[in-house]
Amino acid sequence: MKEQEFKVSIEYAREMDDADVLSGFRDEFHIPEHQGKDVIYFCGNSLGL
């Protein structure tokens, strides 16, 4: 596997997201929303929602 150089940019993040073979699993999780936008869920004592 070819090592990629990390870049700090939104474009690079989106490129990596598009190439992620596991991205389809996101639809298997409940992602909470607030005012119509996805929110981040943090809980140190949980395996997820």
PDB file of N, CA and C in Angstrom:
ATOM      1  N   MET A   1       0.828  -1.182   0.000  1.00  0.00           N
ATOM      2  CA  MET A   1       0.000   0.000   0.000  1.00  0.00           C
ATOM      3  C   MET A   1       0.871   1.245   0.000  1.00  0.00           C
ATOM      4  N   LYS A   2       0.548   2.168  -0.865  1.00  0.00           N
ATOM      5  CA  LYS A   2       1.326   3.389  -0.989  1.00  0.00           C
ATOM      6  C   LYS A   2       0.996   4.355   0.144  1.00  0.00           C
ATOM      7  N   GLU A   3       2.025   4.876   0.798  1.00  0.00           N
ATOM      8  CA  GLU A   3       1.833   5.840   1.867  1.00  0.00           C
ATOM      9  C   GLU A   3       1.524   7.209   1.268  1.00  0.00           C
ATOM     10  N   GLN A   4       0.500   7.869   1.827  1.00  0.00           N
ATOM     11  CA  GLN A   4       0.120   9.184   1.330  1.00  0.00           C
ATOM     12  C   GLN A   4       0.616  10.263   2.270  1.00  0.00           C
ATOM     13  N   GLU A   5       0.901  11.405   1.706  1.00  0.00           N
ATOM     14  CA  GLU A   5       1.319  12.543   2.502  1.00  0.00           C
ATOM     15  C   GLU A   5       0.081  13.230   3.066  1.00  0.00           C
ATOM     16  N   PHE A   6       0.066  13.453   4.370  1.00  0.00           N
ATOM     17  CA  PHE A   6      -1.062  14.118   5.021  1.00  0.00           C
ATOM     18  C   PHE A   6      -1.064  15.598   4.666  1.00  0.00           C
ATOM     19  N   LYS A   7      -2.254  16.113   4.380  1.00  0.00           N
ATOM     20  CA  LYS A   7      -2.411  17.532   4.069  1.00  0.00           C
ATOM     21  C   LYS A   7      -3.492  18.109   4.963  1.00  0.00           C
ATOM     22  N   VAL A   8      -3.305  19.324   5.414  1.00  0.00           N
ATOM     23  CA  VAL A   8      -4.281  19.988   6.263  1.00  0.00           C
ATOM     24  C   VAL A   8      -5.145  20.886   5.387  1.00  0.00           C
ATOM     25  N   SER A   9      -6.238  20.296   4.885  1.00  0.00           N
ATOM     26  CA  SER A   9      -7.171  21.083   4.077  1.00  0.00           C
ATOM     27  C   SER A   9      -8.499  20.346   3.998  1.00  0.00           C
ATOM     28  N   ILE A  10      -9.567  21.091   3.810  1.00  0.00           N
ATOM     29  CA  ILE A  10     -10.887  20.490   3.677  1.00  0.00           C
ATOM     30  C   ILE A  10     -10.966  19.664   2.398  1.00  0.00           C
ATOM     31  N   GLU A  11     -10.264  20.082   1.369  1.00  0.00           N
ATOM     32  CA  GLU A  11     -10.256  19.335   0.113  1.00  0.00           C
ATOM     33  C   GLU A  11      -9.645  17.950   0.302  1.00  0.00           C
ATOM     34  N   TYR A  12      -8.551  17.896   1.039  1.00  0.00           N
ATOM     35  CA  TYR A  12      -7.891  16.614   1.301  1.00  0.00           C
ATOM     36  C   TYR A  12      -8.800  15.713   2.145  1.00  0.00           C
ATOM     37  N   ALA A  13      -9.450  16.291   3.141  1.00  0.00           N
ATOM     38  CA  ALA A  13     -10.360  15.515   3.986  1.00  0.00           C
ATOM     39  C   ALA A  13     -11.490  14.934   3.149  1.00  0.00           C
ATOM     40  N   ARG A  14     -12.065  15.712   2.265  1.00  0.00           N
ATOM     41  CA  ARG A  14     -13.147  15.229   1.407  1.00  0.00           C
ATOM     42  C   ARG A  14     -12.646  14.154   0.435  1.00  0.00           C
ATOM     43  N   GLU A  15     -11.437  14.328  -0.065  1.00  0.00           N
ATOM     44  CA  GLU A  15     -10.840  13.334  -0.966  1.00  0.00           C
ATOM     45  C   GLU A  15     -10.667  12.000  -0.236  1.00  0.00           C
ATOM     46  N   MET A  16     -10.183  12.071   0.996  1.00  0.00           N
ATOM     47  CA  MET A  16     -10.002  10.855   1.781  1.00  0.00           C
ATOM     48  C   MET A  16     -11.354  10.214   2.118  1.00  0.00           C
ATOM     49  N   ASP A  17     -12.352  11.026   2.448  1.00  0.00           N
ATOM     50  CA  ASP A  17     -13.690  10.498   2.715  1.00  0.00           C
ATOM     51  C   ASP A  17     -14.249   9.783   1.489  1.00  0.00           C
ATOM     52  N   ASP A  18     -14.068  10.366   0.316  1.00  0.00           N
ATOM     53  CA  ASP A  18     -14.567   9.759  -0.920  1.00  0.00           C
ATOM     54  C   ASP A  18     -13.889   8.421  -1.217  1.00  0.00           C
ATOM     55  N   ALA A  19     -12.642   8.275  -0.794  1.00  0.00           N
ATOM     56  CA  ALA A  19     -11.880   7.058  -1.063  1.00  0.00           C
ATOM     57  C   ALA A  19     -12.057   5.988   0.025  1.00  0.00           C
ATOM     58  N   ASP A  20     -12.755   6.318   1.093  1.00  0.00           N
ATOM     59  CA  ASP A  20     -12.916   5.407   2.231  1.00  0.00           C
ATOM     60  C   ASP A  20     -13.852   4.248   1.882  1.00  0.00           C
ATOM     61  N   VAL A  21     -13.327   3.033   1.876  1.00  0.00           N
ATOM     62  CA  VAL A  21     -14.125   1.862   1.519  1.00  0.00           C
ATOM     63  C   VAL A  21     -15.141   1.505   2.607  1.00  0.00           C
ATOM     64  N   LEU A  22     -14.976   2.044   3.801  1.00  0.00           N
ATOM     65  CA  LEU A  22     -15.899   1.758   4.900  1.00  0.00           C
ATOM     66  C   LEU A  22     -16.981   2.824   5.054  1.00  0.00           C
ATOM     67  N   SER A  23     -16.994   3.816   4.197  1.00  0.00           N
ATOM     68  CA  SER A  23     -17.919   4.943   4.356  1.00  0.00           C
ATOM     69  C   SER A  23     -19.389   4.526   4.318  1.00  0.00           C
ATOM     70  N   GLY A  24     -19.709   3.432   3.645  1.00  0.00           N
ATOM     71  CA  GLY A  24     -21.087   2.970   3.578  1.00  0.00           C
ATOM     72  C   GLY A  24     -21.659   2.557   4.924  1.00  0.00           C
ATOM     73  N   PHE A  25     -20.798   2.231   5.866  1.00  0.00           N
ATOM     74  CA  PHE A  25     -21.263   1.830   7.187  1.00  0.00           C
ATOM     75  C   PHE A  25     -21.838   2.992   7.990  1.00  0.00           C
ATOM     76  N   ARG A  26     -21.571   4.212   7.589  1.00  0.00           N
ATOM     77  CA  ARG A  26     -22.114   5.378   8.302  1.00  0.00           C
ATOM     78  C   ARG A  26     -23.632   5.313   8.358  1.00  0.00           C
ATOM     79  N   ASP A  27     -24.245   4.787   7.308  1.00  0.00           N
ATOM     80  CA  ASP A  27     -25.699   4.698   7.253  1.00  0.00           C
ATOM     81  C   ASP A  27     -26.268   3.691   8.246  1.00  0.00           C
ATOM     82  N   GLU A  28     -25.422   2.864   8.846  1.00  0.00           N
ATOM     83  CA  GLU A  28     -25.872   1.877   9.820  1.00  0.00           C
ATOM     84  C   GLU A  28     -26.010   2.456  11.228  1.00  0.00           C
ATOM     85  N   PHE A  29     -25.621   3.709  11.428  1.00  0.00           N
ATOM     86  CA  PHE A  29     -25.640   4.335  12.741  1.00  0.00           C
ATOM     87  C   PHE A  29     -26.657   5.465  12.791  1.00  0.00           C
ATOM     88  N   HIS A  30     -27.205   5.661  13.977  1.00  0.00           N
ATOM     89  CA  HIS A  30     -28.085   6.805  14.199  1.00  0.00           C
ATOM     90  C   HIS A  30     -27.195   8.011  14.496  1.00  0.00           C
ATOM     91  N   ILE A  31     -27.241   9.007  13.627  1.00  0.00           N
ATOM     92  CA  ILE A  31     -26.477  10.249  13.841  1.00  0.00           C
ATOM     93  C   ILE A  31     -27.475  11.308  14.284  1.00  0.00           C
ATOM     94  N   PRO A  32     -27.367  11.803  15.526  1.00  0.00           N
ATOM     95  CA  PRO A  32     -28.332  12.790  15.999  1.00  0.00           C
ATOM     96  C   PRO A  32     -28.231  14.099  15.219  1.00  0.00           C
ATOM     97  N   GLU A  33     -29.350  14.807  15.171  1.00  0.00           N
ATOM     98  CA  GLU A  33     -29.385  16.096  14.485  1.00  0.00           C
ATOM     99  C   GLU A  33     -29.844  17.181  15.452  1.00  0.00           C
ATOM    100  N   HIS A  34     -29.400  18.371  15.190  1.00  0.00           N
ATOM    101  CA  HIS A  34     -29.853  19.554  15.915  1.00  0.00           C
ATOM    102  C   HIS A  34     -30.079  20.639  14.884  1.00  0.00           C
ATOM    103  N   GLN A  35     -31.283  21.144  14.823  1.00  0.00           N
ATOM    104  CA  GLN A  35     -31.659  22.172  13.854  1.00  0.00           C
ATOM    105  C   GLN A  35     -31.336  21.737  12.426  1.00  0.00           C
ATOM    106  N   GLY A  36     -31.592  20.443  12.139  1.00  0.00           N
ATOM    107  CA  GLY A  36     -31.436  19.920  10.789  1.00  0.00           C
ATOM    108  C   GLY A  36     -30.024  19.576  10.364  1.00  0.00           C
ATOM    109  N   LYS A  37     -29.056  19.678  11.269  1.00  0.00           N
ATOM    110  CA  LYS A  37     -27.664  19.360  10.932  1.00  0.00           C
ATOM    111  C   LYS A  37     -27.162  18.242  11.833  1.00  0.00           C
ATOM    112  N   ASP A  38     -26.280  17.380  11.286  1.00  0.00           N
ATOM    113  CA  ASP A  38     -25.665  16.323  12.081  1.00  0.00           C
ATOM    114  C   ASP A  38     -24.854  16.941  13.208  1.00  0.00           C
ATOM    115  N   VAL A  39     -24.897  16.301  14.369  1.00  0.00           N
ATOM    116  CA  VAL A  39     -24.102  16.767  15.501  1.00  0.00           C
ATOM    117  C   VAL A  39     -23.153  15.655  15.932  1.00  0.00           C
ATOM    118  N   ILE A  40     -22.130  16.010  16.669  1.00  0.00           N
ATOM    119  CA  ILE A  40     -21.150  15.047  17.173  1.00  0.00           C
ATOM    120  C   ILE A  40     -21.620  14.543  18.519  1.00  0.00           C
ATOM    121  N   TYR A  41     -21.523  13.244  18.718  1.00  0.00           N
ATOM    122  CA  TYR A  41     -21.952  12.597  19.952  1.00  0.00           C
ATOM    123  C   TYR A  41     -20.717  12.071  20.664  1.00  0.00           C
ATOM    124  N   PHE A  42     -20.449  12.596  21.862  1.00  0.00           N
ATOM    125  CA  PHE A  42     -19.318  12.123  22.660  1.00  0.00           C
ATOM    126  C   PHE A  42     -19.829  11.545  23.967  1.00  0.00           C
ATOM    127  N   CYS A  43     -19.425  10.337  24.279  1.00  0.00           N
ATOM    128  CA  CYS A  43     -19.729   9.737  25.580  1.00  0.00           C
ATOM    129  C   CYS A  43     -18.661   8.695  25.843  1.00  0.00           C
ATOM    130  N   GLY A  44     -17.865   8.884  26.841  1.00  0.00           N
ATOM    131  CA  GLY A  44     -16.762   7.972  27.134  1.00  0.00           C
ATOM    132  C   GLY A  44     -17.196   6.620  27.669  1.00  0.00           C
ATOM    133  N   ASN A  45     -18.459   6.494  28.081  1.00  0.00           N
ATOM    134  CA  ASN A  45     -18.936   5.242  28.660  1.00  0.00           C
ATOM    135  C   ASN A  45     -19.892   4.509  27.731  1.00  0.00           C
ATOM    136  N   SER A  46     -19.782   4.751  26.443  1.00  0.00           N
ATOM    137  CA  SER A  46     -20.732   4.193  25.501  1.00  0.00           C
ATOM    138  C   SER A  46     -20.033   3.599  24.305  1.00  0.00           C
ATOM    139  N   LEU A  47     -20.681   2.617  23.699  1.00  0.00           N
ATOM    140  CA  LEU A  47     -20.189   2.074  22.438  1.00  0.00           C
ATOM    141  C   LEU A  47     -20.888   2.727  21.255  1.00  0.00           C
ATOM    142  N   GLY A  48     -21.646   3.766  21.521  1.00  0.00           N
ATOM    143  CA  GLY A  48     -22.342   4.489  20.470  1.00  0.00           C
ATOM    144  C   GLY A  48     -23.813   4.612  20.771  1.00  0.00           C
ATOM    145  N   LEU A  49     -24.507   5.264  19.907  1.00  0.00           N
ATOM    146  CA  LEU A  49     -25.944   5.475  20.109  1.00  0.00           C
ATOM    147  C   LEU A  49     -26.713   4.216  19.808  1.00  0.00           C
TER     148      LEU A  49
END
